């Protein structure tokens, strides 16, 4: 995360579509960062910390597929390299899940559906 976000005042908020479960539910005022201009995610789809996804790797390792230490290390390094992965302003949990699934399937032969089911629990 390059910017230490600071929200604008309540009068300066911008009116944008409010999305719940991928459906637009009208307009709501959204705060934005006064430094970088990123609009804050105000939906219920809040992003998780990277540790949540690293813990999910251990669930994959225990239940179905034995991951090597090298695979885990490569997955973690690639997760860390994703810019703004933990940014509460510009990232949603759904986007994080898609990124995580893509990275894991690059390094091991696990189905996307199985990884998605691990992330839901």
N, C-alpha and C. Protein backbone atom coordinates (compact mmCIF):
# COMPACT_ATOMS: atom_id res chain seq x y z
N UNK A 1 0.85 -1.17 0.00
CA UNK A 1 0.00 0.00 0.00
C UNK A 1 0.90 1.23 0.00
N UNK A 2 0.82 2.01 -1.05
CA UNK A 2 1.69 3.16 -1.20
C UNK A 2 1.19 4.39 -0.45
N UNK A 3 -0.10 4.53 -0.31
CA UNK A 3 -0.70 5.72 0.27
C UNK A 3 -1.25 5.40 1.67
N UNK A 4 -1.03 6.32 2.59
CA UNK A 4 -1.71 6.22 3.88
C UNK A 4 -2.99 7.03 3.70
N UNK A 5 -4.08 6.30 3.48
CA UNK A 5 -5.34 6.93 3.08
C UNK A 5 -5.90 7.83 4.17
N UNK A 6 -6.43 8.96 3.73
CA UNK A 6 -7.14 9.88 4.61
C UNK A 6 -8.42 10.27 3.88
N UNK A 7 -9.55 9.99 4.51
CA UNK A 7 -10.84 10.23 3.86
C UNK A 7 -11.14 11.72 3.76
N UNK A 8 -11.88 12.06 2.73
CA UNK A 8 -12.34 13.43 2.54
C UNK A 8 -13.40 13.75 3.59
N UNK A 9 -13.78 15.01 3.68
CA UNK A 9 -14.83 15.39 4.62
C UNK A 9 -16.18 14.89 4.11
N UNK A 10 -17.16 14.87 4.98
CA UNK A 10 -18.47 14.33 4.60
C UNK A 10 -19.16 15.18 3.53
N UNK A 11 -18.83 16.45 3.42
CA UNK A 11 -19.46 17.29 2.39
C UNK A 11 -18.85 17.01 1.01
N UNK A 12 -17.61 16.53 0.97
CA UNK A 12 -16.91 16.32 -0.30
C UNK A 12 -17.12 14.93 -0.89
N UNK A 13 -17.87 14.08 -0.23
CA UNK A 13 -18.07 12.72 -0.74
C UNK A 13 -18.70 12.76 -2.13
N UNK A 14 -18.36 11.75 -2.94
CA UNK A 14 -18.92 11.66 -4.29
C UNK A 14 -20.04 10.63 -4.32
N UNK A 15 -21.09 10.92 -5.08
CA UNK A 15 -22.23 10.02 -5.19
C UNK A 15 -21.96 9.00 -6.29
N UNK A 16 -21.90 7.74 -5.90
CA UNK A 16 -21.61 6.65 -6.82
C UNK A 16 -22.58 5.50 -6.58
N UNK A 17 -22.70 4.58 -7.53
CA UNK A 17 -23.57 3.41 -7.33
C UNK A 17 -23.12 2.59 -6.12
N UNK A 18 -24.09 2.10 -5.37
CA UNK A 18 -23.84 1.25 -4.22
C UNK A 18 -24.19 -0.18 -4.62
N UNK A 19 -23.23 -1.08 -4.51
CA UNK A 19 -23.39 -2.45 -5.00
C UNK A 19 -23.48 -3.42 -3.83
N UNK A 20 -24.51 -4.27 -3.85
CA UNK A 20 -24.65 -5.37 -2.89
C UNK A 20 -24.86 -6.64 -3.70
N UNK A 21 -24.04 -7.64 -3.44
CA UNK A 21 -24.13 -8.92 -4.17
C UNK A 21 -24.15 -8.72 -5.68
N UNK A 22 -23.25 -7.87 -6.15
CA UNK A 22 -23.08 -7.59 -7.58
C UNK A 22 -24.30 -6.95 -8.24
N UNK A 23 -25.20 -6.36 -7.44
CA UNK A 23 -26.36 -5.64 -7.97
C UNK A 23 -26.30 -4.19 -7.50
N UNK A 24 -26.58 -3.28 -8.41
CA UNK A 24 -26.57 -1.86 -8.06
C UNK A 24 -27.86 -1.54 -7.31
N UNK A 25 -27.72 -0.90 -6.15
CA UNK A 25 -28.86 -0.55 -5.31
C UNK A 25 -28.96 0.95 -5.11
N UNK A 26 -28.92 1.70 -6.18
CA UNK A 26 -29.04 3.15 -6.08
C UNK A 26 -27.69 3.82 -5.87
N UNK A 27 -27.76 5.07 -5.44
CA UNK A 27 -26.55 5.86 -5.22
C UNK A 27 -26.34 6.12 -3.74
N UNK A 28 -25.07 6.21 -3.35
CA UNK A 28 -24.70 6.55 -1.98
C UNK A 28 -23.45 7.41 -2.02
N UNK A 29 -23.28 8.27 -1.02
CA UNK A 29 -22.04 9.06 -0.99
C UNK A 29 -20.86 8.18 -0.57
N UNK A 30 -19.79 8.23 -1.35
CA UNK A 30 -18.58 7.45 -1.08
C UNK A 30 -17.44 8.39 -0.71
N UNK A 31 -16.74 8.11 0.38
CA UNK A 31 -15.55 8.91 0.68
C UNK A 31 -14.41 8.51 -0.26
N UNK A 32 -13.50 9.41 -0.44
CA UNK A 32 -12.31 9.12 -1.24
C UNK A 32 -11.08 9.64 -0.50
N UNK A 33 -9.93 9.14 -0.87
CA UNK A 33 -8.67 9.54 -0.24
C UNK A 33 -8.27 10.90 -0.81
N UNK A 34 -7.95 11.83 0.08
CA UNK A 34 -7.57 13.16 -0.38
C UNK A 34 -6.16 13.19 -0.95
N UNK A 35 -5.38 12.12 -0.72
CA UNK A 35 -4.01 12.07 -1.22
C UNK A 35 -3.92 11.42 -2.60
N UNK A 36 -4.54 10.27 -2.77
CA UNK A 36 -4.39 9.52 -4.03
C UNK A 36 -5.67 9.48 -4.87
N UNK A 37 -6.82 9.85 -4.29
CA UNK A 37 -8.06 9.88 -5.04
C UNK A 37 -8.81 8.56 -5.09
N UNK A 38 -8.29 7.51 -4.45
CA UNK A 38 -8.97 6.21 -4.46
C UNK A 38 -10.30 6.31 -3.72
N UNK A 39 -11.34 5.76 -4.32
CA UNK A 39 -12.67 5.78 -3.71
C UNK A 39 -12.78 4.60 -2.75
N UNK A 40 -13.28 4.87 -1.55
CA UNK A 40 -13.36 3.84 -0.52
C UNK A 40 -14.48 2.85 -0.81
N UNK A 41 -14.18 1.59 -0.60
CA UNK A 41 -15.16 0.52 -0.74
C UNK A 41 -16.08 0.56 0.48
N UNK A 42 -17.36 0.90 0.28
CA UNK A 42 -18.28 0.96 1.42
C UNK A 42 -19.26 -0.20 1.41
N UNK A 43 -19.04 -1.16 0.53
CA UNK A 43 -19.94 -2.32 0.46
C UNK A 43 -19.65 -3.28 1.61
N UNK A 44 -20.45 -4.31 1.71
CA UNK A 44 -20.23 -5.34 2.73
C UNK A 44 -19.13 -6.31 2.31
N UNK A 45 -18.63 -6.16 1.10
CA UNK A 45 -17.60 -7.03 0.53
C UNK A 45 -16.20 -6.51 0.91
N UNK A 46 -15.93 -6.42 2.21
CA UNK A 46 -14.66 -5.87 2.70
C UNK A 46 -13.51 -6.84 2.45
N UNK A 47 -12.34 -6.31 2.13
CA UNK A 47 -11.19 -7.18 1.88
C UNK A 47 -10.66 -7.80 3.18
N UNK A 48 -10.00 -8.94 3.03
CA UNK A 48 -9.37 -9.63 4.16
C UNK A 48 -7.87 -9.33 4.14
N UNK A 49 -7.22 -9.60 5.25
CA UNK A 49 -5.77 -9.50 5.33
C UNK A 49 -5.15 -10.67 4.59
N UNK A 50 -3.91 -10.52 4.18
CA UNK A 50 -3.20 -11.58 3.45
C UNK A 50 -3.09 -12.84 4.31
N UNK A 51 -3.03 -12.69 5.62
CA UNK A 51 -2.92 -13.85 6.52
C UNK A 51 -4.11 -14.79 6.37
N UNK A 52 -5.28 -14.26 6.08
CA UNK A 52 -6.47 -15.08 5.86
C UNK A 52 -6.24 -16.04 4.69
N UNK A 53 -5.64 -15.53 3.64
CA UNK A 53 -5.40 -16.35 2.45
C UNK A 53 -4.25 -17.33 2.68
N UNK A 54 -3.28 -16.95 3.46
CA UNK A 54 -2.18 -17.87 3.79
C UNK A 54 -2.72 -19.01 4.66
N UNK A 55 -3.62 -18.70 5.58
CA UNK A 55 -4.25 -19.75 6.38
C UNK A 55 -5.10 -20.67 5.51
N UNK A 56 -5.72 -20.11 4.48
CA UNK A 56 -6.50 -20.94 3.55
C UNK A 56 -5.61 -21.94 2.82
N UNK A 57 -4.36 -21.56 2.58
CA UNK A 57 -3.41 -22.50 1.96
C UNK A 57 -3.22 -23.73 2.84
N UNK A 58 -3.17 -23.52 4.15
CA UNK A 58 -2.98 -24.66 5.05
C UNK A 58 -4.20 -25.58 5.03
N UNK A 59 -5.40 -25.01 4.82
CA UNK A 59 -6.60 -25.85 4.69
C UNK A 59 -6.53 -26.71 3.43
N UNK A 60 -6.06 -26.12 2.34
CA UNK A 60 -5.90 -26.87 1.10
C UNK A 60 -4.88 -27.98 1.32
N UNK A 61 -3.80 -27.66 2.01
CA UNK A 61 -2.72 -28.62 2.27
C UNK A 61 -3.21 -29.79 3.12
N UNK A 62 -4.04 -29.52 4.12
CA UNK A 62 -4.50 -30.58 5.02
C UNK A 62 -5.55 -31.47 4.40
N UNK A 63 -6.46 -30.90 3.63
CA UNK A 63 -7.64 -31.65 3.21
C UNK A 63 -7.47 -32.46 1.93
N UNK A 64 -6.88 -31.92 0.92
CA UNK A 64 -6.91 -32.61 -0.36
C UNK A 64 -5.53 -32.78 -0.97
N UNK A 65 -4.82 -31.73 -1.05
CA UNK A 65 -3.63 -31.70 -1.87
C UNK A 65 -2.43 -31.37 -1.00
N UNK A 66 -1.41 -32.16 -1.06
CA UNK A 66 -0.20 -31.89 -0.29
C UNK A 66 0.63 -30.85 -1.02
N UNK A 67 0.72 -29.66 -0.45
CA UNK A 67 1.52 -28.59 -1.04
C UNK A 67 2.95 -28.68 -0.52
N UNK A 68 3.90 -28.49 -1.40
CA UNK A 68 5.29 -28.46 -0.97
C UNK A 68 5.60 -27.09 -0.38
N UNK A 69 6.67 -27.01 0.37
CA UNK A 69 7.07 -25.72 0.94
C UNK A 69 7.41 -24.72 -0.16
N UNK A 70 7.96 -25.23 -1.25
CA UNK A 70 8.30 -24.35 -2.37
C UNK A 70 7.03 -23.75 -2.98
N UNK A 71 6.01 -24.57 -3.17
CA UNK A 71 4.74 -24.06 -3.72
C UNK A 71 4.14 -23.00 -2.81
N UNK A 72 4.13 -23.29 -1.51
CA UNK A 72 3.57 -22.33 -0.55
C UNK A 72 4.35 -21.03 -0.60
N UNK A 73 5.67 -21.13 -0.62
CA UNK A 73 6.52 -19.94 -0.66
C UNK A 73 6.27 -19.12 -1.93
N UNK A 74 6.17 -19.79 -3.07
CA UNK A 74 5.92 -19.08 -4.33
C UNK A 74 4.55 -18.40 -4.33
N UNK A 75 3.55 -19.08 -3.79
CA UNK A 75 2.20 -18.50 -3.71
C UNK A 75 2.20 -17.27 -2.81
N UNK A 76 2.85 -17.39 -1.64
CA UNK A 76 2.90 -16.27 -0.69
C UNK A 76 3.66 -15.09 -1.30
N UNK A 77 4.78 -15.36 -1.97
CA UNK A 77 5.55 -14.28 -2.60
C UNK A 77 4.73 -13.56 -3.67
N UNK A 78 3.98 -14.33 -4.45
CA UNK A 78 3.16 -13.71 -5.50
C UNK A 78 2.01 -12.91 -4.89
N UNK A 79 1.42 -13.42 -3.80
CA UNK A 79 0.37 -12.65 -3.10
C UNK A 79 0.93 -11.33 -2.58
N UNK A 80 2.12 -11.39 -2.00
CA UNK A 80 2.75 -10.18 -1.47
C UNK A 80 3.07 -9.18 -2.57
N UNK A 81 3.30 -9.67 -3.78
CA UNK A 81 3.68 -8.77 -4.88
C UNK A 81 2.47 -8.09 -5.53
N UNK A 82 1.26 -8.55 -5.20
CA UNK A 82 0.06 -7.92 -5.78
C UNK A 82 -0.12 -6.55 -5.12
N UNK A 83 -0.10 -5.53 -5.96
CA UNK A 83 -0.20 -4.16 -5.46
C UNK A 83 -1.57 -3.92 -4.84
N UNK A 84 -1.59 -3.34 -3.67
CA UNK A 84 -2.82 -2.96 -2.95
C UNK A 84 -3.72 -4.14 -2.61
N UNK A 85 -3.15 -5.31 -2.38
CA UNK A 85 -3.96 -6.50 -2.10
C UNK A 85 -4.80 -6.33 -0.83
N UNK A 86 -4.26 -5.65 0.17
CA UNK A 86 -4.98 -5.46 1.44
C UNK A 86 -5.61 -4.06 1.56
N UNK A 87 -5.64 -3.31 0.48
CA UNK A 87 -6.12 -1.93 0.51
C UNK A 87 -7.64 -1.89 0.68
N UNK A 88 -8.11 -1.33 1.79
CA UNK A 88 -9.55 -1.28 2.06
C UNK A 88 -10.26 -0.25 1.19
N UNK A 89 -9.52 0.63 0.56
CA UNK A 89 -10.14 1.61 -0.32
C UNK A 89 -10.46 1.04 -1.69
N UNK A 90 -9.50 0.39 -2.31
CA UNK A 90 -9.68 0.03 -3.72
C UNK A 90 -9.88 -1.46 -3.98
N UNK A 91 -9.86 -2.29 -2.97
CA UNK A 91 -9.96 -3.74 -3.18
C UNK A 91 -11.24 -4.27 -2.53
N UNK A 92 -11.86 -5.25 -3.19
CA UNK A 92 -13.00 -5.95 -2.59
C UNK A 92 -12.58 -7.39 -2.30
N UNK A 93 -13.33 -8.04 -1.45
CA UNK A 93 -13.01 -9.42 -1.11
C UNK A 93 -13.18 -10.33 -2.33
N UNK A 94 -14.19 -10.06 -3.14
CA UNK A 94 -14.41 -10.87 -4.34
C UNK A 94 -13.20 -10.79 -5.27
N UNK A 95 -12.65 -9.60 -5.44
CA UNK A 95 -11.46 -9.44 -6.28
C UNK A 95 -10.28 -10.17 -5.66
N UNK A 96 -10.12 -10.07 -4.33
CA UNK A 96 -9.05 -10.81 -3.66
C UNK A 96 -9.19 -12.31 -3.89
N UNK A 97 -10.41 -12.82 -3.76
CA UNK A 97 -10.64 -14.26 -3.97
C UNK A 97 -10.23 -14.68 -5.37
N UNK A 98 -10.60 -13.89 -6.37
CA UNK A 98 -10.25 -14.21 -7.75
C UNK A 98 -8.74 -14.21 -7.96
N UNK A 99 -8.06 -13.24 -7.37
CA UNK A 99 -6.60 -13.17 -7.47
C UNK A 99 -5.98 -14.39 -6.81
N UNK A 100 -6.45 -14.72 -5.60
CA UNK A 100 -5.91 -15.87 -4.87
C UNK A 100 -6.12 -17.17 -5.64
N UNK A 101 -7.31 -17.37 -6.16
CA UNK A 101 -7.61 -18.60 -6.91
C UNK A 101 -6.70 -18.70 -8.13
N UNK A 102 -6.51 -17.60 -8.83
CA UNK A 102 -5.65 -17.60 -10.02
C UNK A 102 -4.21 -17.96 -9.65
N UNK A 103 -3.71 -17.39 -8.57
CA UNK A 103 -2.33 -17.66 -8.15
C UNK A 103 -2.17 -19.12 -7.74
N UNK A 104 -3.09 -19.64 -6.93
CA UNK A 104 -2.98 -21.02 -6.45
C UNK A 104 -3.06 -22.01 -7.61
N UNK A 105 -3.97 -21.77 -8.55
CA UNK A 105 -4.09 -22.70 -9.68
C UNK A 105 -2.88 -22.64 -10.60
N UNK A 106 -2.12 -21.54 -10.56
CA UNK A 106 -0.88 -21.47 -11.33
C UNK A 106 0.18 -22.43 -10.79
N UNK A 107 0.17 -22.67 -9.48
CA UNK A 107 1.24 -23.45 -8.85
C UNK A 107 0.84 -24.87 -8.48
N UNK A 108 -0.43 -25.18 -8.43
CA UNK A 108 -0.82 -26.55 -8.08
C UNK A 108 -2.12 -26.93 -8.80
N UNK A 109 -2.31 -28.22 -8.88
CA UNK A 109 -3.43 -28.77 -9.63
C UNK A 109 -4.65 -28.96 -8.72
N UNK A 110 -5.24 -27.85 -8.32
CA UNK A 110 -6.43 -27.86 -7.47
C UNK A 110 -7.52 -27.11 -8.22
N UNK A 111 -8.74 -27.61 -8.17
CA UNK A 111 -9.82 -26.97 -8.93
C UNK A 111 -10.19 -25.61 -8.32
N UNK A 112 -10.63 -24.72 -9.17
CA UNK A 112 -11.06 -23.40 -8.72
C UNK A 112 -12.25 -23.50 -7.78
N UNK A 113 -13.16 -24.44 -8.05
CA UNK A 113 -14.34 -24.61 -7.19
C UNK A 113 -13.94 -25.04 -5.79
N UNK A 114 -12.94 -25.93 -5.68
CA UNK A 114 -12.51 -26.36 -4.36
C UNK A 114 -11.89 -25.20 -3.58
N UNK A 115 -11.06 -24.42 -4.23
CA UNK A 115 -10.43 -23.27 -3.56
C UNK A 115 -11.51 -22.28 -3.12
N UNK A 116 -12.50 -22.04 -3.99
CA UNK A 116 -13.59 -21.13 -3.64
C UNK A 116 -14.37 -21.65 -2.43
N UNK A 117 -14.57 -22.97 -2.35
CA UNK A 117 -15.29 -23.53 -1.20
C UNK A 117 -14.49 -23.38 0.09
N UNK A 118 -13.18 -23.47 0.01
CA UNK A 118 -12.32 -23.25 1.18
C UNK A 118 -12.45 -21.80 1.64
N UNK A 119 -12.49 -20.87 0.70
CA UNK A 119 -12.57 -19.45 1.04
C UNK A 119 -13.92 -19.07 1.63
N UNK A 120 -14.98 -19.80 1.30
CA UNK A 120 -16.31 -19.51 1.83
C UNK A 120 -16.45 -19.96 3.28
N UNK A 121 -15.70 -20.95 3.69
CA UNK A 121 -15.83 -21.49 5.06
C UNK A 121 -15.04 -20.71 6.06
